[in-house]
């Protein structure tokens, strides 16, 4: 079964073969490297751009306005901040033209902590992305979701962000969550689509016959049902929330865990239905806690579900610090980890009505 990087690579192959993607580009995206995380190895339309995030975003907008579906990678989201004004320009094209102009472009970028990337390669971008209207925003937590959400991005007629949690890139699919058509054996899939080490100029991938699979924007997934509280997360922290919920079931605390999968549009209906049943809500992500997307969800929970809550809703997010340090202890202290998530769920569940 595939890991997330392999799932992305297979989705991009399907996108260029069946869905009109003409250009996949960014720093080191083309041969011989195939991307810093190898997500673009073997793709026919992949090419290397200069080391210039503003140039990458500008080229993506230009291609989109010309009707060329494209996937532009910003190698690490930390450097997307260099191009915020151009990203805003891309997001307003459809609106400012009163719907006359489309701009089919996907900005793909790795996000978050978990690889000891220190201050220049550990930022989150999810809250910033939600502050740029005009984009659909996908952030997967499983290889299958990465495959389906990326295909939804590339066929969309207007701009999309595809945010890839760095810490989950090498995590393999769980049984029952594989992409249809992929080999069930990890080594067999690697032999087909992973470029060999060393000389690879003559190497060509052998793509498995994977189908079109479109995961709709705004459709969350209930990872684990529960009765005592609702935990809403996405990306790197989602598997940690699911694991914490499983561990706490031994204490007779049954937490419902929801994976948002997309941040705009987002599945408010699923969140609201769950919170109405449980009466408690915990929002978890690793972006900094001030002006956090979870704060928006918490505000809406209070405004619309106040009289159905039996405990104050909570946000567990990253510390409001300028960056994440290289030392393991600093990274662990800067963003939610399994112990802090477990304690947040436990303490919220034990608040008496």
C-alpha atoms as a PDB file:
ATOM      1  CA  UNK A   1       0.000   0.000   0.000  1.00  0.00           C
ATOM      2  CA  UNK A   2       1.145   3.528  -0.751  1.00  0.00           C
ATOM      3  CA  UNK A   3       2.447   6.175   1.559  1.00  0.00           C
ATOM      4  CA  UNK A   4       1.264   9.764   1.114  1.00  0.00           C
ATOM      5  CA  UNK A   5       4.101  10.773  -1.215  1.00  0.00           C
ATOM      6  CA  UNK A   6       3.412   7.825  -3.509  1.00  0.00           C
ATOM      7  CA  UNK A   7      -0.324   8.597  -3.459  1.00  0.00           C
ATOM      8  CA  UNK A   8       0.402  12.193  -4.497  1.00  0.00           C
ATOM      9  CA  UNK A   9       2.652  10.980  -7.299  1.00  0.00           C
ATOM     10  CA  UNK A  10      -0.029   8.596  -8.605  1.00  0.00           C
ATOM     11  CA  UNK A  11      -2.664  11.341  -8.445  1.00  0.00           C
ATOM     12  CA  UNK A  12      -0.444  13.713 -10.407  1.00  0.00           C
ATOM     13  CA  UNK A  13       0.115  11.021 -13.044  1.00  0.00           C
ATOM     14  CA  UNK A  14      -3.652  10.575 -13.394  1.00  0.00           C
ATOM     15  CA  UNK A  15      -4.041  14.366 -13.532  1.00  0.00           C
ATOM     16  CA  UNK A  16      -1.612  14.809 -16.418  1.00  0.00           C
ATOM     17  CA  UNK A  17      -2.876  11.754 -18.322  1.00  0.00           C
ATOM     18  CA  UNK A  18      -6.641  12.237 -17.956  1.00  0.00           C
ATOM     19  CA  UNK A  19      -7.434  15.697 -16.644  1.00  0.00           C
ATOM     20  CA  UNK A  20      -5.439  18.103 -18.761  1.00  0.00           C
ATOM     21  CA  UNK A  21      -2.672  19.108 -16.383  1.00  0.00           C
ATOM     22  CA  UNK A  22      -0.036  20.676 -18.615  1.00  0.00           C
ATOM     23  CA  UNK A  23       2.590  21.748 -16.082  1.00  0.00           C
ATOM     24  CA  UNK A  24       3.828  20.460 -12.717  1.00  0.00           C
ATOM     25  CA  UNK A  25       6.657  22.706 -11.592  1.00  0.00           C
ATOM     26  CA  UNK A  26       8.653  24.184  -8.748  1.00  0.00           C
ATOM     27  CA  UNK A  27      12.103  24.092  -7.213  1.00  0.00           C
ATOM     28  CA  UNK A  28      13.730  20.668  -7.958  1.00  0.00           C
ATOM     29  CA  UNK A  29      10.332  19.298  -9.026  1.00  0.00           C
ATOM     30  CA  UNK A  30      11.572  17.987 -12.366  1.00  0.00           C
ATOM     31  CA  UNK A  31      14.291  15.423 -13.084  1.00  0.00           C
ATOM     32  CA  UNK A  32      16.522  14.171 -11.672  1.00  0.00           C
ATOM     33  CA  UNK A  33      15.296  14.788  -8.100  1.00  0.00           C
ATOM     34  CA  UNK A  34      11.533  14.776  -8.531  1.00  0.00           C
ATOM     35  CA  UNK A  35      10.896  17.130  -5.625  1.00  0.00           C
ATOM     36  CA  UNK A  36      12.446  17.490  -2.180  1.00  0.00           C
ATOM     37  CA  UNK A  37      10.126  14.711  -0.971  1.00  0.00           C
ATOM     38  CA  UNK A  38      10.145  12.760  -4.304  1.00  0.00           C
ATOM     39  CA  UNK A  39       6.450  13.499  -4.904  1.00  0.00           C
ATOM     40  CA  UNK A  40       6.970  14.326  -8.598  1.00  0.00           C
ATOM     41  CA  UNK A  41       9.323  11.567  -9.749  1.00  0.00           C
ATOM     42  CA  UNK A  42       8.619  10.183 -13.202  1.00  0.00           C
ATOM     43  CA  UNK A  43       5.959  12.696 -14.217  1.00  0.00           C
ATOM     44  CA  UNK A  44       5.986  13.764 -17.864  1.00  0.00           C
ATOM     45  CA  UNK A  45       5.015  17.400 -17.356  1.00  0.00           C
ATOM     46  CA  UNK A  46       7.276  18.115 -14.330  1.00  0.00           C
ATOM     47  CA  UNK A  47       9.941  20.790 -14.716  1.00  0.00           C
ATOM     48  CA  UNK A  48      12.327  22.773 -12.547  1.00  0.00           C
ATOM     49  CA  UNK A  49      11.695  26.430 -11.846  1.00  0.00           C
ATOM     50  CA  UNK A  50      14.183  28.989 -10.559  1.00  0.00           C
ATOM     51  CA  UNK A  51      14.402  29.337  -6.781  1.00  0.00           C
ATOM     52  CA  UNK A  52      11.803  32.087  -6.758  1.00  0.00           C
ATOM     53  CA  UNK A  53       8.460  31.624  -5.007  1.00  0.00           C
ATOM     54  CA  UNK A  54       7.019  34.797  -6.503  1.00  0.00           C
ATOM     55  CA  UNK A  55       7.988  33.560  -9.942  1.00  0.00           C
ATOM     56  CA  UNK A  56       6.380  30.182  -9.255  1.00  0.00           C
ATOM     57  CA  UNK A  57       3.081  31.711  -8.131  1.00  0.00           C
ATOM     58  CA  UNK A  58       3.106  34.260 -10.951  1.00  0.00           C
ATOM     59  CA  UNK A  59       3.728  31.548 -13.530  1.00  0.00           C
ATOM     60  CA  UNK A  60       0.923  29.457 -12.049  1.00  0.00           C
ATOM     61  CA  UNK A  61      -1.526  32.370 -12.343  1.00  0.00           C
ATOM     62  CA  UNK A  62      -0.417  33.074 -15.905  1.00  0.00           C
ATOM     63  CA  UNK A  63      -0.813  29.445 -16.937  1.00  0.00           C
ATOM     64  CA  UNK A  64      -4.215  29.276 -15.273  1.00  0.00           C
ATOM     65  CA  UNK A  65      -5.449  32.406 -17.032  1.00  0.00           C
ATOM     66  CA  UNK A  66      -4.284  30.854 -20.300  1.00  0.00           C
ATOM     67  CA  UNK A  67      -6.473  27.829 -19.565  1.00  0.00           C
ATOM     68  CA  UNK A  68      -3.593  25.505 -18.642  1.00  0.00           C
ATOM     69  CA  UNK A  69      -4.306  23.400 -15.570  1.00  0.00           C
ATOM     70  CA  UNK A  70      -1.168  23.370 -13.480  1.00  0.00           C
ATOM     71  CA  UNK A  71       0.254  22.274 -10.148  1.00  0.00           C
ATOM     72  CA  UNK A  72       2.871  24.652  -8.726  1.00  0.00           C
ATOM     73  CA  UNK A  73       4.877  23.447  -5.752  1.00  0.00           C
ATOM     74  CA  UNK A  74       6.322  25.772  -3.147  1.00  0.00           C
ATOM     75  CA  UNK A  75       8.995  23.509  -1.724  1.00  0.00           C
ATOM     76  CA  UNK A  76       8.210  24.420   1.905  1.00  0.00           C
ATOM     77  CA  UNK A  77       5.237  26.513   2.978  1.00  0.00           C
ATOM     78  CA  UNK A  78       7.568  28.731   5.008  1.00  0.00           C
ATOM     79  CA  UNK A  79       8.474  30.421   1.723  1.00  0.00           C
ATOM     80  CA  UNK A  80       4.883  30.923   0.569  1.00  0.00           C
ATOM     81  CA  UNK A  81       4.860  34.026   2.750  1.00  0.00           C
ATOM     82  CA  UNK A  82       7.200  35.583   0.173  1.00  0.00           C
ATOM     83  CA  UNK A  83       4.345  35.584  -2.318  1.00  0.00           C
ATOM     84  CA  UNK A  84       1.253  36.458  -0.266  1.00  0.00           C
ATOM     85  CA  UNK A  85       0.324  39.420  -2.492  1.00  0.00           C
ATOM     86  CA  UNK A  86       0.407  37.240  -5.616  1.00  0.00           C
ATOM     87  CA  UNK A  87      -1.500  34.457  -3.892  1.00  0.00           C
ATOM     88  CA  UNK A  88      -4.178  37.017  -3.004  1.00  0.00           C
ATOM     89  CA  UNK A  89      -4.246  38.130  -6.640  1.00  0.00           C
ATOM     90  CA  UNK A  90      -4.835  34.567  -7.794  1.00  0.00           C
ATOM     91  CA  UNK A  91      -7.680  34.158  -5.315  1.00  0.00           C
ATOM     92  CA  UNK A  92      -9.561  37.253  -6.450  1.00  0.00           C
ATOM     93  CA  UNK A  93      -9.539  36.675 -10.229  1.00  0.00           C
ATOM     94  CA  UNK A  94     -12.855  34.822 -10.494  1.00  0.00           C
ATOM     95  CA  UNK A  95     -14.603  37.187  -8.059  1.00  0.00           C
ATOM     96  CA  UNK A  96     -13.227  40.424  -9.500  1.00  0.00           C
ATOM     97  CA  UNK A  97     -14.211  39.396 -13.027  1.00  0.00           C
ATOM     98  CA  UNK A  98     -17.784  38.700 -11.896  1.00  0.00           C
ATOM     99  CA  UNK A  99     -17.267  35.055 -12.782  1.00  0.00           C
ATOM    100  CA  UNK A 100     -16.087  35.710 -16.337  1.00  0.00           C
ATOM    101  CA  UNK A 101     -12.517  34.450 -15.794  1.00  0.00           C
ATOM    102  CA  UNK A 102     -11.418  31.154 -14.316  1.00  0.00           C
ATOM    103  CA  UNK A 103      -7.910  30.386 -13.100  1.00  0.00           C
ATOM    104  CA  UNK A 104      -7.325  26.623 -12.706  1.00  0.00           C
ATOM    105  CA  UNK A 105      -4.206  26.413 -10.544  1.00  0.00           C
ATOM    106  CA  UNK A 106      -3.173  24.272  -7.591  1.00  0.00           C
ATOM    107  CA  UNK A 107      -0.554  25.467  -5.120  1.00  0.00           C
ATOM    108  CA  UNK A 108       0.935  22.362  -3.486  1.00  0.00           C
ATOM    109  CA  UNK A 109       3.172  22.850  -0.470  1.00  0.00           C
ATOM    110  CA  UNK A 110       4.427  20.805   2.519  1.00  0.00           C
ATOM    111  CA  UNK A 111       3.297  22.180   5.879  1.00  0.00           C
ATOM    112  CA  UNK A 112       3.928  21.831   9.580  1.00  0.00           C
ATOM    113  CA  UNK A 113       6.419  20.290  11.956  1.00  0.00           C
ATOM    114  CA  UNK A 114       7.587  16.753  12.546  1.00  0.00           C
ATOM    115  CA  UNK A 115      10.797  16.473  10.503  1.00  0.00           C
ATOM    116  CA  UNK A 116      13.094  18.583  12.723  1.00  0.00           C
ATOM    117  CA  UNK A 117      13.029  21.339  10.137  1.00  0.00           C
ATOM    118  CA  UNK A 118      13.752  24.101  12.628  1.00  0.00           C
ATOM    119  CA  UNK A 119      12.716  27.704  12.042  1.00  0.00           C
ATOM    120  CA  UNK A 120      12.758  27.773   8.231  1.00  0.00           C
ATOM    121  CA  UNK A 121      11.032  24.474   7.452  1.00  0.00           C
ATOM    122  CA  UNK A 122       8.431  23.900  10.187  1.00  0.00           C
ATOM    123  CA  UNK A 123       5.784  26.594   9.809  1.00  0.00           C
ATOM    124  CA  UNK A 124       2.111  25.876   9.368  1.00  0.00           C
ATOM    125  CA  UNK A 125       0.170  27.624   6.623  1.00  0.00           C
ATOM    126  CA  UNK A 126      -3.420  26.520   7.230  1.00  0.00           C
ATOM    127  CA  UNK A 127      -4.628  29.622   9.067  1.00  0.00           C
ATOM    128  CA  UNK A 128      -2.892  31.894   6.558  1.00  0.00           C
ATOM    129  CA  UNK A 129      -4.483  29.985   3.681  1.00  0.00           C
ATOM    130  CA  UNK A 130      -7.944  30.538   5.156  1.00  0.00           C
ATOM    131  CA  UNK A 131      -7.177  34.281   5.284  1.00  0.00           C
ATOM    132  CA  UNK A 132      -6.824  34.367   1.476  1.00  0.00           C
ATOM    133  CA  UNK A 133     -10.345  34.228  -0.001  1.00  0.00           C
ATOM    134  CA  UNK A 134     -10.904  32.608  -3.373  1.00  0.00           C
ATOM    135  CA  UNK A 135      -9.130  29.296  -2.730  1.00  0.00           C
ATOM    136  CA  UNK A 136     -10.411  25.865  -1.886  1.00  0.00           C
ATOM    137  CA  UNK A 137      -8.091  24.389   0.751  1.00  0.00           C
ATOM    138  CA  UNK A 138      -7.343  20.677   1.126  1.00  0.00           C
ATOM    139  CA  UNK A 139      -5.180  19.105   3.855  1.00  0.00           C
ATOM    140  CA  UNK A 140      -5.124  15.281   3.928  1.00  0.00           C
ATOM    141  CA  UNK A 141      -4.205  12.962   6.778  1.00  0.00           C
ATOM    142  CA  UNK A 142      -4.147   9.654   4.839  1.00  0.00           C
ATOM    143  CA  UNK A 143      -2.685   8.557   1.484  1.00  0.00           C
ATOM    144  CA  UNK A 144      -6.127   7.845   0.028  1.00  0.00           C
ATOM    145  CA  UNK A 145      -7.383  11.272   1.036  1.00  0.00           C
ATOM    146  CA  UNK A 146      -4.259  12.827  -0.480  1.00  0.00           C
ATOM    147  CA  UNK A 147      -4.992  11.051  -3.766  1.00  0.00           C
ATOM    148  CA  UNK A 148      -8.676  12.013  -3.865  1.00  0.00           C
ATOM    149  CA  UNK A 149      -8.297  15.574  -2.620  1.00  0.00           C
ATOM    150  CA  UNK A 150      -5.464  16.345  -5.033  1.00  0.00           C
ATOM    151  CA  UNK A 151      -7.550  15.144  -7.980  1.00  0.00           C
ATOM    152  CA  UNK A 152     -10.395  17.367  -6.776  1.00  0.00           C
ATOM    153  CA  UNK A 153      -7.949  20.273  -6.730  1.00  0.00           C
ATOM    154  CA  UNK A 154      -6.635  19.770 -10.258  1.00  0.00           C
ATOM    155  CA  UNK A 155     -10.073  19.528 -11.883  1.00  0.00           C
ATOM    156  CA  UNK A 156     -11.413  22.583 -10.082  1.00  0.00           C
ATOM    157  CA  UNK A 157     -11.765  25.604 -12.397  1.00  0.00           C
ATOM    158  CA  UNK A 158     -10.310  28.002  -9.831  1.00  0.00           C
ATOM    159  CA  UNK A 159      -7.397  28.217  -7.356  1.00  0.00           C
ATOM    160  CA  UNK A 160      -6.772  25.532  -4.750  1.00  0.00           C
ATOM    161  CA  UNK A 161      -4.268  25.034  -1.960  1.00  0.00           C
ATOM    162  CA  UNK A 162      -3.108  21.458  -1.410  1.00  0.00           C
ATOM    163  CA  UNK A 163      -1.350  21.428   1.956  1.00  0.00           C
ATOM    164  CA  UNK A 164       0.697  18.288   2.668  1.00  0.00           C
ATOM    165  CA  UNK A 165       1.644  17.515   6.305  1.00  0.00           C
ATOM    166  CA  UNK A 166       5.375  16.783   6.200  1.00  0.00           C
ATOM    167  CA  UNK A 167       5.211  14.452   9.200  1.00  0.00           C
ATOM    168  CA  UNK A 168       2.733  12.160   7.388  1.00  0.00           C
ATOM    169  CA  UNK A 169       4.462  11.904   4.017  1.00  0.00           C
ATOM    170  CA  UNK A 170       6.025   8.498   4.715  1.00  0.00           C
ATOM    171  CA  UNK A 171       3.072   7.082   6.661  1.00  0.00           C
ATOM    172  CA  UNK A 172       1.448   4.176   4.838  1.00  0.00           C
ATOM    173  CA  UNK A 173      -2.247   3.552   4.373  1.00  0.00           C
ATOM    174  CA  UNK A 174      -4.039   1.377   6.884  1.00  0.00           C
ATOM    175  CA  UNK A 175      -5.700  -1.863   5.733  1.00  0.00           C
ATOM    176  CA  UNK A 176      -8.962  -1.022   3.993  1.00  0.00           C
ATOM    177  CA  UNK A 177      -7.796   2.490   3.076  1.00  0.00           C
ATOM    178  CA  UNK A 178      -5.717   1.633   0.024  1.00  0.00           C
ATOM    179  CA  UNK A 179      -6.193   3.338  -3.338  1.00  0.00           C
ATOM    180  CA  UNK A 180      -8.048   1.041  -5.763  1.00  0.00           C
ATOM    181  CA  UNK A 181      -5.692  -0.467  -8.308  1.00  0.00           C
ATOM    182  CA  UNK A 182      -2.468  -0.062  -6.351  1.00  0.00           C
ATOM    183  CA  UNK A 183      -0.434  -3.157  -5.450  1.00  0.00           C
ATOM    184  CA  UNK A 184      -1.101  -4.417  -1.967  1.00  0.00           C
ATOM    185  CA  UNK A 185       2.593  -5.094  -1.443  1.00  0.00           C
ATOM    186  CA  UNK A 186       4.729  -2.091  -0.452  1.00  0.00           C
ATOM    187  CA  UNK A 187       7.838  -3.369  -2.188  1.00  0.00           C
ATOM    188  CA  UNK A 188       5.955  -4.108  -5.399  1.00  0.00           C
ATOM    189  CA  UNK A 189       4.625  -0.543  -5.547  1.00  0.00           C
ATOM    190  CA  UNK A 190       8.064   0.889  -4.793  1.00  0.00           C
ATOM    191  CA  UNK A 191       9.589  -1.123  -7.620  1.00  0.00           C
ATOM    192  CA  UNK A 192       6.995   0.301 -10.017  1.00  0.00           C
ATOM    193  CA  UNK A 193       7.047   4.003  -9.204  1.00  0.00           C
ATOM    194  CA  UNK A 194      10.037   4.878  -6.978  1.00  0.00           C
ATOM    195  CA  UNK A 195      13.114   6.029  -8.879  1.00  0.00           C
ATOM    196  CA  UNK A 196      16.285   4.054  -8.094  1.00  0.00           C
ATOM    197  CA  UNK A 197      19.134   5.592  -6.182  1.00  0.00           C
ATOM    198  CA  UNK A 198      22.051   6.797  -8.256  1.00  0.00           C
ATOM    199  CA  UNK A 199      21.800   6.857 -12.050  1.00  0.00           C
ATOM    200  CA  UNK A 200      18.177   7.253 -13.125  1.00  0.00           C
ATOM    201  CA  UNK A 201      18.354   8.989 -16.501  1.00  0.00           C
ATOM    202  CA  UNK A 202      16.933   5.912 -18.282  1.00  0.00           C
ATOM    203  CA  UNK A 203      14.415   5.022 -15.586  1.00  0.00           C
ATOM    204  CA  UNK A 204      10.704   5.189 -16.343  1.00  0.00           C
ATOM    205  CA  UNK A 205       7.916   4.445 -13.878  1.00  0.00           C
ATOM    206  CA  UNK A 206       5.299   1.767 -14.456  1.00  0.00           C
ATOM    207  CA  UNK A 207       2.103   3.354 -13.222  1.00  0.00           C
ATOM    208  CA  UNK A 208      -0.583   1.151 -11.674  1.00  0.00           C
ATOM    209  CA  UNK A 209      -4.058   1.545 -13.127  1.00  0.00           C
ATOM    210  CA  UNK A 210      -5.642   3.689 -10.429  1.00  0.00           C
ATOM    211  CA  UNK A 211      -9.094   5.214 -11.037  1.00  0.00           C
ATOM    212  CA  UNK A 212     -10.487   8.706 -10.822  1.00  0.00           C
ATOM    213  CA  UNK A 213     -11.326   9.271  -7.179  1.00  0.00           C
ATOM    214  CA  UNK A 214     -12.593  12.696  -6.194  1.00  0.00           C
ATOM    215  CA  UNK A 215     -13.048  13.495  -2.519  1.00  0.00           C
ATOM    216  CA  UNK A 216     -15.375  16.500  -2.399  1.00  0.00           C
ATOM    217  CA  UNK A 217     -14.314  19.700  -0.691  1.00  0.00           C
ATOM    218  CA  UNK A 218     -16.327  20.373   2.439  1.00  0.00           C
ATOM    219  CA  UNK A 219     -16.941  16.706   3.246  1.00  0.00           C
ATOM    220  CA  UNK A 220     -15.328  15.727   6.543  1.00  0.00           C
ATOM    221  CA  UNK A 221     -14.785  12.153   7.714  1.00  0.00           C
ATOM    222  CA  UNK A 222     -15.779  10.719  11.086  1.00  0.00           C
ATOM    223  CA  UNK A 223     -12.705   8.725  11.992  1.00  0.00           C
ATOM    224  CA  UNK A 224     -14.074   7.427  15.263  1.00  0.00           C
ATOM    225  CA  UNK A 225     -17.610   7.671  16.696  1.00  0.00           C
ATOM    226  CA  UNK A 226     -18.083   8.695  20.310  1.00  0.00           C
ATOM    227  CA  UNK A 227     -20.587   9.990  22.824  1.00  0.00           C
ATOM    228  CA  UNK A 228     -18.659  12.124  25.341  1.00  0.00           C
ATOM    229  CA  UNK A 229     -17.055  14.885  23.282  1.00  0.00           C
ATOM    230  CA  UNK A 230     -16.253  15.941  19.722  1.00  0.00           C
ATOM    231  CA  UNK A 231     -12.628  16.324  18.627  1.00  0.00           C
ATOM    232  CA  UNK A 232     -12.125  18.181  15.325  1.00  0.00           C
ATOM    233  CA  UNK A 233      -8.715  18.090  13.689  1.00  0.00           C
ATOM    234  CA  UNK A 234      -6.854  17.660  10.398  1.00  0.00           C
ATOM    235  CA  UNK A 235      -3.370  17.014   9.021  1.00  0.00           C
ATOM    236  CA  UNK A 236      -0.562  15.958  11.365  1.00  0.00           C
ATOM    237  CA  UNK A 237      -2.588  16.143  14.573  1.00  0.00           C
ATOM    238  CA  UNK A 238      -5.483  14.046  13.287  1.00  0.00           C
ATOM    239  CA  UNK A 239      -3.805  10.627  13.778  1.00  0.00           C
ATOM    240  CA  UNK A 240      -2.668  11.747  17.233  1.00  0.00           C
ATOM    241  CA  UNK A 241      -6.251  12.645  18.148  1.00  0.00           C
ATOM    242  CA  UNK A 242      -7.484   9.256  16.946  1.00  0.00           C
ATOM    243  CA  UNK A 243      -4.791   7.473  18.937  1.00  0.00           C
ATOM    244  CA  UNK A 244      -5.547   9.497  22.069  1.00  0.00           C
ATOM    245  CA  UNK A 245      -9.251   8.698  21.722  1.00  0.00           C
ATOM    246  CA  UNK A 246      -8.525   4.974  21.458  1.00  0.00           C
ATOM    247  CA  UNK A 247      -6.326   5.063  24.555  1.00  0.00           C
ATOM    248  CA  UNK A 248      -8.931   6.989  26.552  1.00  0.00           C
ATOM    249  CA  UNK A 249     -11.634   4.480  25.716  1.00  0.00           C
ATOM    250  CA  UNK A 250      -9.954   2.289  28.354  1.00  0.00           C
ATOM    251  CA  UNK A 251     -10.936   5.004  30.844  1.00  0.00           C
ATOM    252  CA  UNK A 252     -14.520   4.857  29.535  1.00  0.00           C
ATOM    253  CA  UNK A 253     -14.119   8.176  27.720  1.00  0.00           C
ATOM    254  CA  UNK A 254     -15.541   7.866  24.217  1.00  0.00           C
ATOM    255  CA  UNK A 255     -14.416  10.742  22.002  1.00  0.00           C
ATOM    256  CA  UNK A 256     -15.767  11.291  18.509  1.00  0.00           C
ATOM    257  CA  UNK A 257     -12.940  12.274  16.140  1.00  0.00           C
ATOM    258  CA  UNK A 258     -13.644  14.227  12.952  1.00  0.00           C
ATOM    259  CA  UNK A 259     -11.105  14.787  10.176  1.00  0.00           C
ATOM    260  CA  UNK A 260     -12.017  18.008   8.352  1.00  0.00           C
ATOM    261  CA  UNK A 261      -9.993  17.127   5.201  1.00  0.00           C
ATOM    262  CA  UNK A 262     -10.701  20.564   3.722  1.00  0.00           C
ATOM    263  CA  UNK A 263     -10.622  23.942   5.447  1.00  0.00           C
ATOM    264  CA  UNK A 264     -12.582  25.823   2.819  1.00  0.00           C
ATOM    265  CA  UNK A 265     -15.268  24.913   2.296  1.00  0.00           C
ATOM    266  CA  UNK A 266     -15.542  22.967   5.540  1.00  0.00           C
ATOM    267  CA  UNK A 267     -18.148  20.544   6.853  1.00  0.00           C
ATOM    268  CA  UNK A 268     -19.912  22.598   9.497  1.00  0.00           C
ATOM    269  CA  UNK A 269     -22.972  20.371   9.332  1.00  0.00           C
ATOM    270  CA  UNK A 270     -20.999  17.332  10.509  1.00  0.00           C
ATOM    271  CA  UNK A 271     -19.326  19.304  13.297  1.00  0.00           C
ATOM    272  CA  UNK A 272     -22.617  20.789  14.510  1.00  0.00           C
ATOM    273  CA  UNK A 273     -24.442  17.455  14.472  1.00  0.00           C
ATOM    274  CA  UNK A 274     -21.689  15.847  16.519  1.00  0.00           C
ATOM    275  CA  UNK A 275     -21.441  18.684  19.055  1.00  0.00           C
ATOM    276  CA  UNK A 276     -25.205  18.672  19.540  1.00  0.00           C
ATOM    277  CA  UNK A 277     -24.938  15.000  20.551  1.00  0.00           C
ATOM    278  CA  UNK A 278     -21.841  15.232  22.753  1.00  0.00           C
ATOM    279  CA  UNK A 279     -22.183  18.748  24.201  1.00  0.00           C
ATOM    280  CA  UNK A 280     -18.405  19.201  24.235  1.00  0.00           C
ATOM    281  CA  UNK A 281     -15.975  20.316  21.528  1.00  0.00           C
ATOM    282  CA  UNK A 282     -12.186  20.311  21.248  1.00  0.00           C
ATOM    283  CA  UNK A 283     -10.441  21.759  18.189  1.00  0.00           C
ATOM    284  CA  UNK A 284      -6.866  20.597  17.612  1.00  0.00           C
ATOM    285  CA  UNK A 285      -4.220  21.708  15.120  1.00  0.00           C
ATOM    286  CA  UNK A 286      -0.557  22.744  15.151  1.00  0.00           C
ATOM    287  CA  UNK A 287      -0.747  26.288  13.780  1.00  0.00           C
ATOM    288  CA  UNK A 288      -0.066  29.096  16.257  1.00  0.00           C
ATOM    289  CA  UNK A 289      -2.934  29.693  18.649  1.00  0.00           C
ATOM    290  CA  UNK A 290      -3.625  33.377  17.875  1.00  0.00           C
ATOM    291  CA  UNK A 291      -5.856  33.906  14.800  1.00  0.00           C
ATOM    292  CA  UNK A 292      -5.969  30.134  14.453  1.00  0.00           C
ATOM    293  CA  UNK A 293      -8.528  28.473  12.174  1.00  0.00           C
ATOM    294  CA  UNK A 294      -9.699  26.495  15.193  1.00  0.00           C
ATOM    295  CA  UNK A 295     -10.614  29.811  16.824  1.00  0.00           C
ATOM    296  CA  UNK A 296     -13.039  30.433  13.965  1.00  0.00           C
ATOM    297  CA  UNK A 297     -14.649  27.031  14.540  1.00  0.00           C
ATOM    298  CA  UNK A 298     -14.788  27.669  18.273  1.00  0.00           C
ATOM    299  CA  UNK A 299     -16.422  31.069  17.741  1.00  0.00           C
ATOM    300  CA  UNK A 300     -19.045  29.559  15.467  1.00  0.00           C
ATOM    301  CA  UNK A 301     -19.660  26.770  17.977  1.00  0.00           C
ATOM    302  CA  UNK A 302     -20.335  29.312  20.727  1.00  0.00           C
ATOM    303  CA  UNK A 303     -22.525  31.500  18.529  1.00  0.00           C
ATOM    304  CA  UNK A 304     -24.694  28.733  17.059  1.00  0.00           C
ATOM    305  CA  UNK A 305     -24.593  25.926  19.634  1.00  0.00           C
ATOM    306  CA  UNK A 306     -24.208  27.794  22.922  1.00  0.00           C
ATOM    307  CA  UNK A 307     -27.345  26.419  24.602  1.00  0.00           C
ATOM    308  CA  UNK A 308     -26.463  22.850  23.618  1.00  0.00           C
ATOM    309  CA  UNK A 309     -22.994  22.913  25.177  1.00  0.00           C
ATOM    310  CA  UNK A 310     -22.404  21.320  28.564  1.00  0.00           C
ATOM    311  CA  UNK A 311     -18.787  22.522  28.832  1.00  0.00           C
ATOM    312  CA  UNK A 312     -16.807  25.423  27.363  1.00  0.00           C
ATOM    313  CA  UNK A 313     -15.324  24.486  23.975  1.00  0.00           C
ATOM    314  CA  UNK A 314     -11.542  24.414  23.796  1.00  0.00           C
ATOM    315  CA  UNK A 315      -8.731  24.979  21.321  1.00  0.00           C
ATOM    316  CA  UNK A 316      -5.440  23.088  21.524  1.00  0.00           C
ATOM    317  CA  UNK A 317      -2.953  24.586  19.077  1.00  0.00           C
ATOM    318  CA  UNK A 318       0.691  25.504  18.609  1.00  0.00           C
ATOM    319  CA  UNK A 319       2.424  27.968  20.878  1.00  0.00           C
ATOM    320  CA  UNK A 320       2.513  31.578  19.681  1.00  0.00           C
ATOM    321  CA  UNK A 321       6.257  31.592  19.062  1.00  0.00           C
ATOM    322  CA  UNK A 322       8.146  32.976  16.031  1.00  0.00           C
ATOM    323  CA  UNK A 323       9.417  29.575  14.970  1.00  0.00           C
ATOM    324  CA  UNK A 324      10.093  25.997  16.004  1.00  0.00           C
ATOM    325  CA  UNK A 325      13.541  25.162  17.341  1.00  0.00           C
ATOM    326  CA  UNK A 326      15.775  22.418  16.001  1.00  0.00           C
ATOM    327  CA  UNK A 327      16.123  20.611  19.326  1.00  0.00           C
ATOM    328  CA  UNK A 328      13.655  17.784  19.769  1.00  0.00           C
ATOM    329  CA  UNK A 329      12.470  19.159  23.096  1.00  0.00           C
ATOM    330  CA  UNK A 330      11.733  22.571  21.564  1.00  0.00           C
ATOM    331  CA  UNK A 331       9.729  21.102  18.682  1.00  0.00           C
ATOM    332  CA  UNK A 332       7.782  18.824  21.017  1.00  0.00           C
ATOM    333  CA  UNK A 333       6.952  21.772  23.286  1.00  0.00           C
ATOM    334  CA  UNK A 334       5.884  24.054  20.439  1.00  0.00           C
ATOM    335  CA  UNK A 335       3.046  22.019  18.901  1.00  0.00           C
ATOM    336  CA  UNK A 336       0.441  19.566  20.234  1.00  0.00           C
ATOM    337  CA  UNK A 337       1.734  16.054  20.893  1.00  0.00           C
ATOM    338  CA  UNK A 338       0.021  12.854  21.995  1.00  0.00           C
ATOM    339  CA  UNK A 339       0.318  13.569  25.763  1.00  0.00           C
ATOM    340  CA  UNK A 340      -1.095  17.102  25.506  1.00  0.00           C
ATOM    341  CA  UNK A 341      -3.922  15.948  23.238  1.00  0.00           C
ATOM    342  CA  UNK A 342      -4.758  13.060  25.555  1.00  0.00           C
ATOM    343  CA  UNK A 343      -4.880  15.342  28.583  1.00  0.00           C
ATOM    344  CA  UNK A 344      -7.003  17.935  26.764  1.00  0.00           C
ATOM    345  CA  UNK A 345      -9.565  15.271  25.821  1.00  0.00           C
ATOM    346  CA  UNK A 346      -9.549  13.781  29.313  1.00  0.00           C
ATOM    347  CA  UNK A 347      -9.967  17.098  31.131  1.00  0.00           C
ATOM    348  CA  UNK A 348     -12.773  18.301  28.832  1.00  0.00           C
ATOM    349  CA  UNK A 349     -14.654  15.014  29.075  1.00  0.00           C
ATOM    350  CA  UNK A 350     -14.583  15.118  32.889  1.00  0.00           C
ATOM    351  CA  UNK A 351     -16.112  18.590  33.229  1.00  0.00           C
ATOM    352  CA  UNK A 352     -19.450  18.089  34.979  1.00  0.00           C
ATOM    353  CA  UNK A 353     -22.599  19.540  33.344  1.00  0.00           C
END
